[in-house]
Amino acid sequence: MRNILVSILIILLAGCGALALNPITNEVRNVQLKQDGSKSVTLFDSMVWYDLNQSNGILFPAGQYILEAEDDDYYYFKAPTSLEFRTFQGRQTTDSRVEEGGLFLGKSTLSLVPAGAYLSTTEGSKILVWKLGGDFMSMQGKKWEKSY
């Protein structure tokens, strides 16, 4: 019984944002191409996100992200320019790279991972590399908007 209560508490804390989870992931998703200019996401300014230790960061460029693919759970919006990834040690950048990709958004408001970054690999697959949660979603209307 105690294990069940602890599990429920962890789930509740994670849902409330009190339990911080590592945003870095590496999940391959099979997608269907779906170019649709009427579905887009616009970031008003560039956004930078860091992992828990602030040893890795990602920069989403400002601009319009156009729908390029979807699967059962997510829409995939191609970034207007490359995403930038940096690795830090202390306050020094030790690695920096740019990659083609964009922003994914959950189709359901109940998605465990409602948004994040993906890399473009082949036409039929995307790699989810960074998870964004409620903090990103709460910025809708202030720092970003979607057209659908």
C-alpha atoms as a PDB file:
ATOM      1  CA  MET A   1       0.000   0.000   0.000  1.00  0.00           C
ATOM      2  CA  ARG A   2       2.839   2.371   0.874  1.00  0.00           C
ATOM      3  CA  ASN A   3       4.462   1.841  -2.575  1.00  0.00           C
ATOM      4  CA  ILE A   4       1.190   2.723  -4.260  1.00  0.00           C
ATOM      5  CA  LEU A   5       0.891   5.958  -2.248  1.00  0.00           C
ATOM      6  CA  VAL A   6       4.487   6.916  -3.061  1.00  0.00           C
ATOM      7  CA  SER A   7       3.871   6.254  -6.775  1.00  0.00           C
ATOM      8  CA  ILE A   8       0.730   8.400  -6.726  1.00  0.00           C
ATOM      9  CA  LEU A   9       2.614  11.205  -4.943  1.00  0.00           C
ATOM     10  CA  ILE A  10       5.409  11.126  -7.550  1.00  0.00           C
ATOM     11  CA  ILE A  11       2.877  11.299 -10.389  1.00  0.00           C
ATOM     12  CA  LEU A  12       1.056  14.216  -8.736  1.00  0.00           C
ATOM     13  CA  LEU A  13       4.280  16.129  -8.100  1.00  0.00           C
ATOM     14  CA  ALA A  14       5.437  15.572 -11.671  1.00  0.00           C
ATOM     15  CA  GLY A  15       2.110  16.836 -12.981  1.00  0.00           C
ATOM     16  CA  CYS A  16       2.297  19.950 -10.811  1.00  0.00           C
ATOM     17  CA  GLY A  17       5.800  20.765 -11.933  1.00  0.00           C
ATOM     18  CA  ALA A  18       7.238  20.270  -8.435  1.00  0.00           C
ATOM     19  CA  LEU A  19       9.366  17.364  -9.627  1.00  0.00           C
ATOM     20  CA  ALA A  20      11.785  18.433 -12.345  1.00  0.00           C
ATOM     21  CA  LEU A  21      12.641  15.848 -14.978  1.00  0.00           C
ATOM     22  CA  ASN A  22      15.515  15.790 -17.441  1.00  0.00           C
ATOM     23  CA  PRO A  23      14.308  17.310 -20.737  1.00  0.00           C
ATOM     24  CA  ILE A  24      16.830  15.495 -22.940  1.00  0.00           C
ATOM     25  CA  THR A  25      15.465  12.463 -24.755  1.00  0.00           C
ATOM     26  CA  ASN A  26      16.218  10.355 -27.818  1.00  0.00           C
ATOM     27  CA  GLU A  27      13.036   8.829 -29.211  1.00  0.00           C
ATOM     28  CA  VAL A  28      12.577   7.862 -32.860  1.00  0.00           C
ATOM     29  CA  ARG A  29       9.033   8.398 -34.140  1.00  0.00           C
ATOM     30  CA  ASN A  30       7.566   7.225 -37.442  1.00  0.00           C
ATOM     31  CA  VAL A  31       5.623  10.059 -39.070  1.00  0.00           C
ATOM     32  CA  GLN A  32       3.493  10.799 -42.094  1.00  0.00           C
ATOM     33  CA  LEU A  33       4.397  13.844 -44.165  1.00  0.00           C
ATOM     34  CA  LYS A  34       1.654  16.440 -43.933  1.00  0.00           C
ATOM     35  CA  GLN A  35       2.567  19.808 -45.371  1.00  0.00           C
ATOM     36  CA  ASP A  36      -0.140  22.265 -44.433  1.00  0.00           C
ATOM     37  CA  GLY A  37       0.571  25.994 -44.435  1.00  0.00           C
ATOM     38  CA  SER A  38      -2.627  26.685 -42.502  1.00  0.00           C
ATOM     39  CA  LYS A  39      -1.204  24.936 -39.418  1.00  0.00           C
ATOM     40  CA  SER A  40       1.726  26.751 -37.924  1.00  0.00           C
ATOM     41  CA  VAL A  41       3.319  27.849 -34.680  1.00  0.00           C
ATOM     42  CA  THR A  42       4.941  31.260 -34.340  1.00  0.00           C
ATOM     43  CA  LEU A  43       7.575  32.078 -31.728  1.00  0.00           C
ATOM     44  CA  PHE A  44       7.623  35.834 -31.180  1.00  0.00           C
ATOM     45  CA  ASP A  45      11.264  35.746 -30.020  1.00  0.00           C
ATOM     46  CA  SER A  46      13.966  33.098 -29.869  1.00  0.00           C
ATOM     47  CA  MET A  47      13.641  30.765 -26.879  1.00  0.00           C
ATOM     48  CA  VAL A  48      16.482  29.139 -24.969  1.00  0.00           C
ATOM     49  CA  TRP A  49      15.930  26.143 -22.713  1.00  0.00           C
ATOM     50  CA  TYR A  50      18.422  24.392 -20.410  1.00  0.00           C
ATOM     51  CA  ASP A  51      18.567  20.954 -18.824  1.00  0.00           C
ATOM     52  CA  LEU A  52      18.464  20.490 -15.039  1.00  0.00           C
ATOM     53  CA  ASN A  53      22.206  21.033 -14.566  1.00  0.00           C
ATOM     54  CA  GLN A  54      22.408  23.826 -17.129  1.00  0.00           C
ATOM     55  CA  SER A  55      25.081  21.782 -18.889  1.00  0.00           C
ATOM     56  CA  ASN A  56      23.050  21.534 -22.131  1.00  0.00           C
ATOM     57  CA  GLY A  57      20.899  24.077 -23.892  1.00  0.00           C
ATOM     58  CA  ILE A  58      18.762  24.430 -26.983  1.00  0.00           C
ATOM     59  CA  LEU A  59      17.800  27.549 -28.913  1.00  0.00           C
ATOM     60  CA  PHE A  60      14.548  27.670 -30.865  1.00  0.00           C
ATOM     61  CA  PRO A  61      14.796  30.491 -33.421  1.00  0.00           C
ATOM     62  CA  ALA A  62      12.056  33.092 -33.624  1.00  0.00           C
ATOM     63  CA  GLY A  63       9.662  32.899 -36.550  1.00  0.00           C
ATOM     64  CA  GLN A  64       6.982  30.770 -38.129  1.00  0.00           C
ATOM     65  CA  TYR A  65       7.174  26.980 -37.816  1.00  0.00           C
ATOM     66  CA  ILE A  66       5.173  25.259 -40.569  1.00  0.00           C
ATOM     67  CA  LEU A  67       3.524  21.832 -40.199  1.00  0.00           C
ATOM     68  CA  GLU A  68       5.594  19.200 -42.013  1.00  0.00           C
ATOM     69  CA  ALA A  69       4.485  15.899 -40.484  1.00  0.00           C
ATOM     70  CA  GLU A  70       2.309  14.195 -37.898  1.00  0.00           C
ATOM     71  CA  ASP A  71       1.815  10.903 -36.116  1.00  0.00           C
ATOM     72  CA  ASP A  72      -0.907   9.652 -33.776  1.00  0.00           C
ATOM     73  CA  ASP A  73       0.336  11.802 -30.876  1.00  0.00           C
ATOM     74  CA  TYR A  74       2.104  14.877 -32.277  1.00  0.00           C
ATOM     75  CA  TYR A  75       2.236  17.546 -34.960  1.00  0.00           C
ATOM     76  CA  TYR A  76       5.768  18.370 -36.219  1.00  0.00           C
ATOM     77  CA  PHE A  77       6.476  21.979 -37.200  1.00  0.00           C
ATOM     78  CA  LYS A  78       9.665  22.727 -39.138  1.00  0.00           C
ATOM     79  CA  ALA A  79      11.755  25.561 -37.716  1.00  0.00           C
ATOM     80  CA  PRO A  80      12.404  28.594 -39.942  1.00  0.00           C
ATOM     81  CA  THR A  81      16.163  28.040 -39.443  1.00  0.00           C
ATOM     82  CA  SER A  82      18.255  25.379 -37.724  1.00  0.00           C
ATOM     83  CA  LEU A  83      17.967  24.599 -34.015  1.00  0.00           C
ATOM     84  CA  GLU A  84      21.129  25.340 -32.030  1.00  0.00           C
ATOM     85  CA  PHE A  85      22.454  22.982 -29.355  1.00  0.00           C
ATOM     86  CA  ARG A  86      25.186  23.866 -26.856  1.00  0.00           C
ATOM     87  CA  THR A  87      27.035  21.977 -24.161  1.00  0.00           C
ATOM     88  CA  PHE A  88      28.465  23.898 -21.208  1.00  0.00           C
ATOM     89  CA  GLN A  89      31.052  23.236 -18.561  1.00  0.00           C
ATOM     90  CA  GLY A  90      30.782  25.898 -15.925  1.00  0.00           C
ATOM     91  CA  ARG A  91      29.987  29.026 -17.912  1.00  0.00           C
ATOM     92  CA  GLN A  92      32.059  28.002 -20.928  1.00  0.00           C
ATOM     93  CA  THR A  93      30.583  26.538 -24.119  1.00  0.00           C
ATOM     94  CA  THR A  94      32.415  23.291 -24.865  1.00  0.00           C
ATOM     95  CA  ASP A  95      30.364  22.194 -27.882  1.00  0.00           C
ATOM     96  CA  SER A  96      27.965  23.878 -30.270  1.00  0.00           C
ATOM     97  CA  ARG A  97      26.092  22.519 -33.264  1.00  0.00           C
ATOM     98  CA  VAL A  98      23.115  23.346 -35.453  1.00  0.00           C
ATOM     99  CA  GLU A  99      20.620  20.750 -36.657  1.00  0.00           C
ATOM    100  CA  GLU A 100      17.606  20.725 -38.953  1.00  0.00           C
ATOM    101  CA  GLY A 101      14.415  20.140 -37.029  1.00  0.00           C
ATOM    102  CA  GLY A 102      11.655  21.949 -35.264  1.00  0.00           C
ATOM    103  CA  LEU A 103       8.983  21.965 -32.608  1.00  0.00           C
ATOM    104  CA  PHE A 104       6.536  19.158 -31.883  1.00  0.00           C
ATOM    105  CA  LEU A 105       3.190  19.764 -30.178  1.00  0.00           C
ATOM    106  CA  GLY A 106       0.876  17.184 -28.670  1.00  0.00           C
ATOM    107  CA  LYS A 107      -2.478  16.632 -30.311  1.00  0.00           C
ATOM    108  CA  SER A 108      -4.080  16.073 -26.910  1.00  0.00           C
ATOM    109  CA  THR A 109      -4.086  18.570 -24.051  1.00  0.00           C
ATOM    110  CA  LEU A 110      -3.468  15.582 -21.767  1.00  0.00           C
ATOM    111  CA  SER A 111      -0.136  14.613 -23.371  1.00  0.00           C
ATOM    112  CA  LEU A 112       2.472  13.610 -20.794  1.00  0.00           C
ATOM    113  CA  VAL A 113       5.010  15.441 -22.973  1.00  0.00           C
ATOM    114  CA  PRO A 114       3.021  18.297 -24.534  1.00  0.00           C
ATOM    115  CA  ALA A 115       5.828  19.792 -26.654  1.00  0.00           C
ATOM    116  CA  GLY A 116       9.505  19.681 -27.488  1.00  0.00           C
ATOM    117  CA  ALA A 117      12.202  19.686 -30.126  1.00  0.00           C
ATOM    118  CA  TYR A 118      12.801  17.124 -32.834  1.00  0.00           C
ATOM    119  CA  LEU A 119      15.488  16.498 -35.421  1.00  0.00           C
ATOM    120  CA  SER A 120      14.696  15.686 -39.019  1.00  0.00           C
ATOM    121  CA  THR A 121      16.242  12.420 -40.138  1.00  0.00           C
ATOM    122  CA  THR A 122      14.469  10.722 -43.015  1.00  0.00           C
ATOM    123  CA  GLU A 123      11.150  11.791 -44.496  1.00  0.00           C
ATOM    124  CA  GLY A 124       9.365   9.057 -42.567  1.00  0.00           C
ATOM    125  CA  SER A 125      10.873   9.594 -39.123  1.00  0.00           C
ATOM    126  CA  LYS A 126      11.740  12.262 -36.577  1.00  0.00           C
ATOM    127  CA  ILE A 127      13.865  12.022 -33.444  1.00  0.00           C
ATOM    128  CA  LEU A 128      12.453  13.682 -30.323  1.00  0.00           C
ATOM    129  CA  VAL A 129      15.457  15.233 -28.554  1.00  0.00           C
ATOM    130  CA  TRP A 130      14.096  17.746 -26.036  1.00  0.00           C
ATOM    131  CA  LYS A 131      10.938  17.706 -23.917  1.00  0.00           C
ATOM    132  CA  LEU A 132       9.052  20.870 -23.004  1.00  0.00           C
ATOM    133  CA  GLY A 133       6.321  20.876 -20.408  1.00  0.00           C
ATOM    134  CA  GLY A 134       3.765  23.088 -18.764  1.00  0.00           C
ATOM    135  CA  ASP A 135       6.155  26.026 -18.508  1.00  0.00           C
ATOM    136  CA  PHE A 136       6.306  26.212 -22.319  1.00  0.00           C
ATOM    137  CA  MET A 137       2.578  25.616 -22.734  1.00  0.00           C
ATOM    138  CA  SER A 138       1.738  28.415 -20.273  1.00  0.00           C
ATOM    139  CA  MET A 139       3.561  30.881 -22.562  1.00  0.00           C
ATOM    140  CA  GLN A 140       0.997  30.394 -25.344  1.00  0.00           C
ATOM    141  CA  GLY A 141      -0.461  33.751 -26.302  1.00  0.00           C
ATOM    142  CA  LYS A 142       2.429  35.639 -24.681  1.00  0.00           C
ATOM    143  CA  LYS A 143       5.590  34.224 -26.260  1.00  0.00           C
ATOM    144  CA  TRP A 144       4.124  31.968 -28.964  1.00  0.00           C
ATOM    145  CA  GLU A 145       0.894  31.190 -30.762  1.00  0.00           C
ATOM    146  CA  LYS A 146      -0.546  28.455 -32.933  1.00  0.00           C
ATOM    147  CA  SER A 147      -2.805  28.969 -35.945  1.00  0.00           C
ATOM    148  CA  TYR A 148      -5.173  26.057 -35.440  1.00  0.00           C
END
